[in-house]
């Protein structure tokens, strides 16, 4: 079973914003209840969030202050 707890609870708002941003970029409409969301769409959102978080971490580790967008 997945563990959906955040390592940094203060980051919840930023993670939610990122989720809606990525979904919008992919043309996927999120609502308050997403139980009817196709598995493929949920996976696309999660995969793109992961890519973006890795990019942000790499830039922070390298000391780069570039744009965090793909």
PDB file of N, CA and C in Angstrom:
ATOM      1  N   UNK A   1       0.839  -1.175   0.000  1.00  0.00           N
ATOM      2  CA  UNK A   1       0.000   0.000   0.000  1.00  0.00           C
ATOM      3  C   UNK A   1       0.889   1.246   0.000  1.00  0.00           C
ATOM      4  N   UNK A   2       0.464   2.259  -0.731  1.00  0.00           N
ATOM      5  CA  UNK A   2       1.248   3.491  -0.869  1.00  0.00           C
ATOM      6  C   UNK A   2       1.216   4.304   0.420  1.00  0.00           C
ATOM      7  N   UNK A   3       2.318   4.985   0.661  1.00  0.00           N
ATOM      8  CA  UNK A   3       2.407   5.876   1.802  1.00  0.00           C
ATOM      9  C   UNK A   3       2.319   7.298   1.268  1.00  0.00           C
ATOM     10  N   UNK A   4       1.193   7.944   1.456  1.00  0.00           N
ATOM     11  CA  UNK A   4       0.965   9.271   0.892  1.00  0.00           C
ATOM     12  C   UNK A   4       1.257  10.402   1.863  1.00  0.00           C
ATOM     13  N   UNK A   5       1.985  10.119   2.932  1.00  0.00           N
ATOM     14  CA  UNK A   5       2.315  11.182   3.873  1.00  0.00           C
ATOM     15  C   UNK A   5       3.536  11.942   3.364  1.00  0.00           C
ATOM     16  N   UNK A   6       3.511  13.236   3.550  1.00  0.00           N
ATOM     17  CA  UNK A   6       4.613  14.077   3.102  1.00  0.00           C
ATOM     18  C   UNK A   6       5.734  14.078   4.132  1.00  0.00           C
ATOM     19  N   UNK A   7       6.965  14.065   3.661  1.00  0.00           N
ATOM     20  CA  UNK A   7       8.118  14.148   4.557  1.00  0.00           C
ATOM     21  C   UNK A   7       8.156  15.525   5.215  1.00  0.00           C
ATOM     22  N   UNK A   8       7.681  16.537   4.506  1.00  0.00           N
ATOM     23  CA  UNK A   8       7.616  17.908   5.018  1.00  0.00           C
ATOM     24  C   UNK A   8       6.156  18.365   4.910  1.00  0.00           C
ATOM     25  N   UNK A   9       5.377  18.214   5.979  1.00  0.00           N
ATOM     26  CA  UNK A   9       3.954  18.544   5.918  1.00  0.00           C
ATOM     27  C   UNK A   9       3.667  19.981   5.465  1.00  0.00           C
ATOM     28  N   UNK A  10       4.591  20.900   5.698  1.00  0.00           N
ATOM     29  CA  UNK A  10       4.392  22.289   5.295  1.00  0.00           C
ATOM     30  C   UNK A  10       4.379  22.437   3.770  1.00  0.00           C
ATOM     31  N   UNK A  11       4.786  21.403   3.044  1.00  0.00           N
ATOM     32  CA  UNK A  11       4.850  21.455   1.581  1.00  0.00           C
ATOM     33  C   UNK A  11       3.533  21.038   0.923  1.00  0.00           C
ATOM     34  N   UNK A  12       2.513  20.736   1.711  1.00  0.00           N
ATOM     35  CA  UNK A  12       1.251  20.241   1.148  1.00  0.00           C
ATOM     36  C   UNK A  12       0.647  21.210   0.139  1.00  0.00           C
ATOM     37  N   UNK A  13       0.586  22.480   0.457  1.00  0.00           N
ATOM     38  CA  UNK A  13      -0.011  23.456  -0.459  1.00  0.00           C
ATOM     39  C   UNK A  13       0.760  23.517  -1.770  1.00  0.00           C
ATOM     40  N   UNK A  14       2.085  23.499  -1.693  1.00  0.00           N
ATOM     41  CA  UNK A  14       2.908  23.545  -2.902  1.00  0.00           C
ATOM     42  C   UNK A  14       2.719  22.276  -3.729  1.00  0.00           C
ATOM     43  N   UNK A  15       2.605  21.124  -3.085  1.00  0.00           N
ATOM     44  CA  UNK A  15       2.392  19.868  -3.808  1.00  0.00           C
ATOM     45  C   UNK A  15       1.024  19.849  -4.487  1.00  0.00           C
ATOM     46  N   UNK A  16       0.009  20.356  -3.798  1.00  0.00           N
ATOM     47  CA  UNK A  16      -1.321  20.427  -4.400  1.00  0.00           C
ATOM     48  C   UNK A  16      -1.313  21.355  -5.609  1.00  0.00           C
ATOM     49  N   UNK A  17      -0.649  22.484  -5.474  1.00  0.00           N
ATOM     50  CA  UNK A  17      -0.562  23.432  -6.581  1.00  0.00           C
ATOM     51  C   UNK A  17       0.151  22.786  -7.773  1.00  0.00           C
ATOM     52  N   UNK A  18       1.222  22.066  -7.509  1.00  0.00           N
ATOM     53  CA  UNK A  18       1.971  21.386  -8.557  1.00  0.00           C
ATOM     54  C   UNK A  18       1.094  20.351  -9.254  1.00  0.00           C
ATOM     55  N   UNK A  19       0.303  19.617  -8.479  1.00  0.00           N
ATOM     56  CA  UNK A  19      -0.584  18.600  -9.048  1.00  0.00           C
ATOM     57  C   UNK A  19      -1.578  19.224 -10.022  1.00  0.00           C
ATOM     58  N   UNK A  20      -2.213  20.316  -9.611  1.00  0.00           N
ATOM     59  CA  UNK A  20      -3.199  20.963 -10.477  1.00  0.00           C
ATOM     60  C   UNK A  20      -2.535  21.622 -11.687  1.00  0.00           C
ATOM     61  N   UNK A  21      -1.334  22.152 -11.499  1.00  0.00           N
ATOM     62  CA  UNK A  21      -0.578  22.751 -12.602  1.00  0.00           C
ATOM     63  C   UNK A  21      -0.250  21.705 -13.665  1.00  0.00           C
ATOM     64  N   UNK A  22       0.263  20.568 -13.234  1.00  0.00           N
ATOM     65  CA  UNK A  22       0.638  19.502 -14.155  1.00  0.00           C
ATOM     66  C   UNK A  22      -0.602  18.963 -14.867  1.00  0.00           C
ATOM     67  N   UNK A  23      -1.680  18.750 -14.123  1.00  0.00           N
ATOM     68  CA  UNK A  23      -2.913  18.245 -14.732  1.00  0.00           C
ATOM     69  C   UNK A  23      -3.420  19.203 -15.801  1.00  0.00           C
ATOM     70  N   UNK A  24      -3.375  20.493 -15.520  1.00  0.00           N
ATOM     71  CA  UNK A  24      -3.829  21.488 -16.485  1.00  0.00           C
ATOM     72  C   UNK A  24      -2.953  21.460 -17.736  1.00  0.00           C
ATOM     73  N   UNK A  25      -1.644  21.351 -17.563  1.00  0.00           N
ATOM     74  CA  UNK A  25      -0.727  21.289 -18.701  1.00  0.00           C
ATOM     75  C   UNK A  25      -0.992  20.061 -19.570  1.00  0.00           C
ATOM     76  N   UNK A  26      -1.443  18.964 -18.933  1.00  0.00           N
ATOM     77  CA  UNK A  26      -1.731  17.738 -19.662  1.00  0.00           C
ATOM     78  C   UNK A  26      -3.162  17.715 -20.213  1.00  0.00           C
ATOM     79  N   UNK A  27      -3.945  18.738 -19.876  1.00  0.00           N
ATOM     80  CA  UNK A  27      -5.331  18.795 -20.340  1.00  0.00           C
ATOM     81  C   UNK A  27      -6.266  17.881 -19.568  1.00  0.00           C
ATOM     82  N   UNK A  28      -5.902  17.566 -18.330  1.00  0.00           N
ATOM     83  CA  UNK A  28      -6.709  16.688 -17.478  1.00  0.00           C
ATOM     84  C   UNK A  28      -7.415  17.544 -16.442  1.00  0.00           C
ATOM     85  N   UNK A  29      -8.736  17.398 -16.363  1.00  0.00           N
ATOM     86  CA  UNK A  29      -9.540  18.196 -15.435  1.00  0.00           C
ATOM     87  C   UNK A  29      -9.636  17.484 -14.088  1.00  0.00           C
ATOM     88  N   UNK A  30      -9.082  18.096 -13.044  1.00  0.00           N
ATOM     89  CA  UNK A  30      -9.190  17.539 -11.692  1.00  0.00           C
ATOM     90  C   UNK A  30     -10.347  18.211 -10.970  1.00  0.00           C
ATOM     91  N   UNK A  31     -10.978  17.443 -10.087  1.00  0.00           N
ATOM     92  CA  UNK A  31     -12.096  17.945  -9.297  1.00  0.00           C
ATOM     93  C   UNK A  31     -11.840  17.626  -7.835  1.00  0.00           C
ATOM     94  N   UNK A  32     -12.805  17.949  -6.975  1.00  0.00           N
ATOM     95  CA  UNK A  32     -12.659  17.645  -5.549  1.00  0.00           C
ATOM     96  C   UNK A  32     -12.566  16.128  -5.344  1.00  0.00           C
ATOM     97  N   UNK A  33     -13.330  15.370  -6.138  1.00  0.00           N
ATOM     98  CA  UNK A  33     -13.287  13.901  -6.083  1.00  0.00           C
ATOM     99  C   UNK A  33     -12.748  13.402  -7.416  1.00  0.00           C
ATOM    100  N   UNK A  34     -11.670  12.636  -7.384  1.00  0.00           N
ATOM    101  CA  UNK A  34     -11.052  12.152  -8.610  1.00  0.00           C
ATOM    102  C   UNK A  34     -11.115  10.637  -8.743  1.00  0.00           C
ATOM    103  N   UNK A  35     -12.100  10.018  -8.109  1.00  0.00           N
ATOM    104  CA  UNK A  35     -12.239   8.570  -8.162  1.00  0.00           C
ATOM    105  C   UNK A  35     -12.538   8.040  -9.550  1.00  0.00           C
ATOM    106  N   UNK A  36     -13.071   8.890 -10.418  1.00  0.00           N
ATOM    107  CA  UNK A  36     -13.388   8.468 -11.782  1.00  0.00           C
ATOM    108  C   UNK A  36     -12.262   8.788 -12.759  1.00  0.00           C
ATOM    109  N   UNK A  37     -11.150   9.246 -12.261  1.00  0.00           N
ATOM    110  CA  UNK A  37     -10.008   9.590 -13.097  1.00  0.00           C
ATOM    111  C   UNK A  37      -9.385   8.310 -13.658  1.00  0.00           C
ATOM    112  N   UNK A  38      -9.124   8.295 -14.949  1.00  0.00           N
ATOM    113  CA  UNK A  38      -8.525   7.113 -15.573  1.00  0.00           C
ATOM    114  C   UNK A  38      -7.134   6.863 -14.983  1.00  0.00           C
ATOM    115  N   UNK A  39      -6.795   5.601 -14.846  1.00  0.00           N
ATOM    116  CA  UNK A  39      -5.496   5.219 -14.302  1.00  0.00           C
ATOM    117  C   UNK A  39      -4.366   5.816 -15.125  1.00  0.00           C
ATOM    118  N   UNK A  40      -4.529   5.818 -16.433  1.00  0.00           N
ATOM    119  CA  UNK A  40      -3.505   6.375 -17.326  1.00  0.00           C
ATOM    120  C   UNK A  40      -3.295   7.862 -17.032  1.00  0.00           C
ATOM    121  N   UNK A  41      -4.390   8.602 -16.809  1.00  0.00           N
ATOM    122  CA  UNK A  41      -4.278  10.033 -16.514  1.00  0.00           C
ATOM    123  C   UNK A  41      -3.607  10.272 -15.167  1.00  0.00           C
ATOM    124  N   UNK A  42      -4.007   9.485 -14.162  1.00  0.00           N
ATOM    125  CA  UNK A  42      -3.391   9.625 -12.840  1.00  0.00           C
ATOM    126  C   UNK A  42      -1.896   9.325 -12.911  1.00  0.00           C
ATOM    127  N   UNK A  43      -1.535   8.309 -13.683  1.00  0.00           N
ATOM    128  CA  UNK A  43      -0.125   7.966 -13.846  1.00  0.00           C
ATOM    129  C   UNK A  43       0.657   9.045 -14.570  1.00  0.00           C
ATOM    130  N   UNK A  44       0.028   9.661 -15.568  1.00  0.00           N
ATOM    131  CA  UNK A  44       0.681  10.759 -16.291  1.00  0.00           C
ATOM    132  C   UNK A  44       0.946  11.937 -15.373  1.00  0.00           C
ATOM    133  N   UNK A  45      -0.034  12.250 -14.548  1.00  0.00           N
ATOM    134  CA  UNK A  45       0.132  13.359 -13.596  1.00  0.00           C
ATOM    135  C   UNK A  45       1.263  13.035 -12.624  1.00  0.00           C
ATOM    136  N   UNK A  46       1.223  11.848 -12.028  1.00  0.00           N
ATOM    137  CA  UNK A  46       2.246  11.455 -11.062  1.00  0.00           C
ATOM    138  C   UNK A  46       3.635  11.403 -11.671  1.00  0.00           C
ATOM    139  N   UNK A  47       3.748  10.879 -12.879  1.00  0.00           N
ATOM    140  CA  UNK A  47       5.037  10.803 -13.545  1.00  0.00           C
ATOM    141  C   UNK A  47       5.619  12.170 -13.838  1.00  0.00           C
ATOM    142  N   UNK A  48       4.762  13.088 -14.281  1.00  0.00           N
ATOM    143  CA  UNK A  48       5.231  14.440 -14.576  1.00  0.00           C
ATOM    144  C   UNK A  48       5.593  15.204 -13.309  1.00  0.00           C
ATOM    145  N   UNK A  49       4.862  14.959 -12.229  1.00  0.00           N
ATOM    146  CA  UNK A  49       5.215  15.576 -10.945  1.00  0.00           C
ATOM    147  C   UNK A  49       6.602  15.077 -10.514  1.00  0.00           C
ATOM    148  N   UNK A  50       6.825  13.783 -10.640  1.00  0.00           N
ATOM    149  CA  UNK A  50       8.117  13.203 -10.253  1.00  0.00           C
ATOM    150  C   UNK A  50       9.246  13.802 -11.079  1.00  0.00           C
ATOM    151  N   UNK A  51       9.058  13.916 -12.390  1.00  0.00           N
ATOM    152  CA  UNK A  51      10.082  14.521 -13.248  1.00  0.00           C
ATOM    153  C   UNK A  51      10.398  15.939 -12.799  1.00  0.00           C
ATOM    154  N   UNK A  52       9.355  16.688 -12.498  1.00  0.00           N
ATOM    155  CA  UNK A  52       9.561  18.080 -12.110  1.00  0.00           C
ATOM    156  C   UNK A  52      10.267  18.175 -10.752  1.00  0.00           C
ATOM    157  N   UNK A  53       9.894  17.310  -9.804  1.00  0.00           N
ATOM    158  CA  UNK A  53      10.548  17.325  -8.491  1.00  0.00           C
ATOM    159  C   UNK A  53      12.017  16.933  -8.596  1.00  0.00           C
ATOM    160  N   UNK A  54      12.327  15.968  -9.453  1.00  0.00           N
ATOM    161  CA  UNK A  54      13.724  15.578  -9.661  1.00  0.00           C
ATOM    162  C   UNK A  54      14.499  16.744 -10.261  1.00  0.00           C
ATOM    163  N   UNK A  55      13.902  17.425 -11.231  1.00  0.00           N
ATOM    164  CA  UNK A  55      14.567  18.574 -11.850  1.00  0.00           C
ATOM    165  C   UNK A  55      14.842  19.665 -10.810  1.00  0.00           C
ATOM    166  N   UNK A  56      13.872  19.954  -9.963  1.00  0.00           N
ATOM    167  CA  UNK A  56      14.047  20.968  -8.923  1.00  0.00           C
ATOM    168  C   UNK A  56      15.175  20.560  -7.978  1.00  0.00           C
ATOM    169  N   UNK A  57      15.184  19.300  -7.552  1.00  0.00           N
ATOM    170  CA  UNK A  57      16.224  18.815  -6.634  1.00  0.00           C
ATOM    171  C   UNK A  57      17.603  18.888  -7.277  1.00  0.00           C
ATOM    172  N   UNK A  58      17.709  18.499  -8.543  1.00  0.00           N
ATOM    173  CA  UNK A  58      19.003  18.553  -9.228  1.00  0.00           C
ATOM    174  C   UNK A  58      19.507  19.986  -9.318  1.00  0.00           C
ATOM    175  N   UNK A  59      18.602  20.919  -9.613  1.00  0.00           N
ATOM    176  CA  UNK A  59      19.012  22.318  -9.713  1.00  0.00           C
ATOM    177  C   UNK A  59      19.445  22.861  -8.358  1.00  0.00           C
ATOM    178  N   UNK A  60      18.744  22.471  -7.299  1.00  0.00           N
ATOM    179  CA  UNK A  60      19.124  22.927  -5.965  1.00  0.00           C
ATOM    180  C   UNK A  60      20.470  22.332  -5.552  1.00  0.00           C
ATOM    181  N   UNK A  61      20.708  21.075  -5.878  1.00  0.00           N
ATOM    182  CA  UNK A  61      21.968  20.437  -5.523  1.00  0.00           C
ATOM    183  C   UNK A  61      23.140  21.022  -6.294  1.00  0.00           C
ATOM    184  N   UNK A  62      22.888  21.466  -7.513  1.00  0.00           N
ATOM    185  CA  UNK A  62      23.965  22.030  -8.315  1.00  0.00           C
ATOM    186  C   UNK A  62      24.162  23.507  -8.049  1.00  0.00           C
ATOM    187  N   UNK A  63      23.275  24.093  -7.260  1.00  0.00           N
ATOM    188  CA  UNK A  63      23.370  25.514  -6.946  1.00  0.00           C
ATOM    189  C   UNK A  63      22.799  26.412  -8.024  1.00  0.00           C
ATOM    190  N   UNK A  64      22.160  25.812  -9.022  1.00  0.00           N
ATOM    191  CA  UNK A  64      21.562  26.580 -10.117  1.00  0.00           C
ATOM    192  C   UNK A  64      20.289  27.264  -9.634  1.00  0.00           C
ATOM    193  N   UNK A  65      20.055  28.467 -10.116  1.00  0.00           N
ATOM    194  CA  UNK A  65      18.817  29.176  -9.755  1.00  0.00           C
ATOM    195  C   UNK A  65      17.996  29.411 -11.014  1.00  0.00           C
ATOM    196  N   UNK A  66      17.966  28.429 -11.902  1.00  0.00           N
ATOM    197  CA  UNK A  66      17.240  28.554 -13.159  1.00  0.00           C
ATOM    198  C   UNK A  66      15.747  28.346 -12.980  1.00  0.00           C
ATOM    199  N   UNK A  67      15.055  28.376 -14.092  1.00  0.00           N
ATOM    200  CA  UNK A  67      13.614  28.182 -14.114  1.00  0.00           C
ATOM    201  C   UNK A  67      13.318  26.710 -13.871  1.00  0.00           C
ATOM    202  N   UNK A  68      12.335  26.399 -13.006  1.00  0.00           N
ATOM    203  CA  UNK A  68      12.015  25.030 -12.648  1.00  0.00           C
ATOM    204  C   UNK A  68      10.989  24.411 -13.577  1.00  0.00           C
ATOM    205  N   UNK A  69      10.677  25.023 -14.692  1.00  0.00           N
ATOM    206  CA  UNK A  69       9.663  24.520 -15.616  1.00  0.00           C
ATOM    207  C   UNK A  69      10.284  23.582 -16.645  1.00  0.00           C
ATOM    208  N   UNK A  70       9.493  22.700 -17.152  1.00  0.00           N
ATOM    209  CA  UNK A  70       9.889  21.838 -18.279  1.00  0.00           C
ATOM    210  C   UNK A  70       9.523  22.528 -19.557  1.00  0.00           C
TER     211      UNK A  70
END
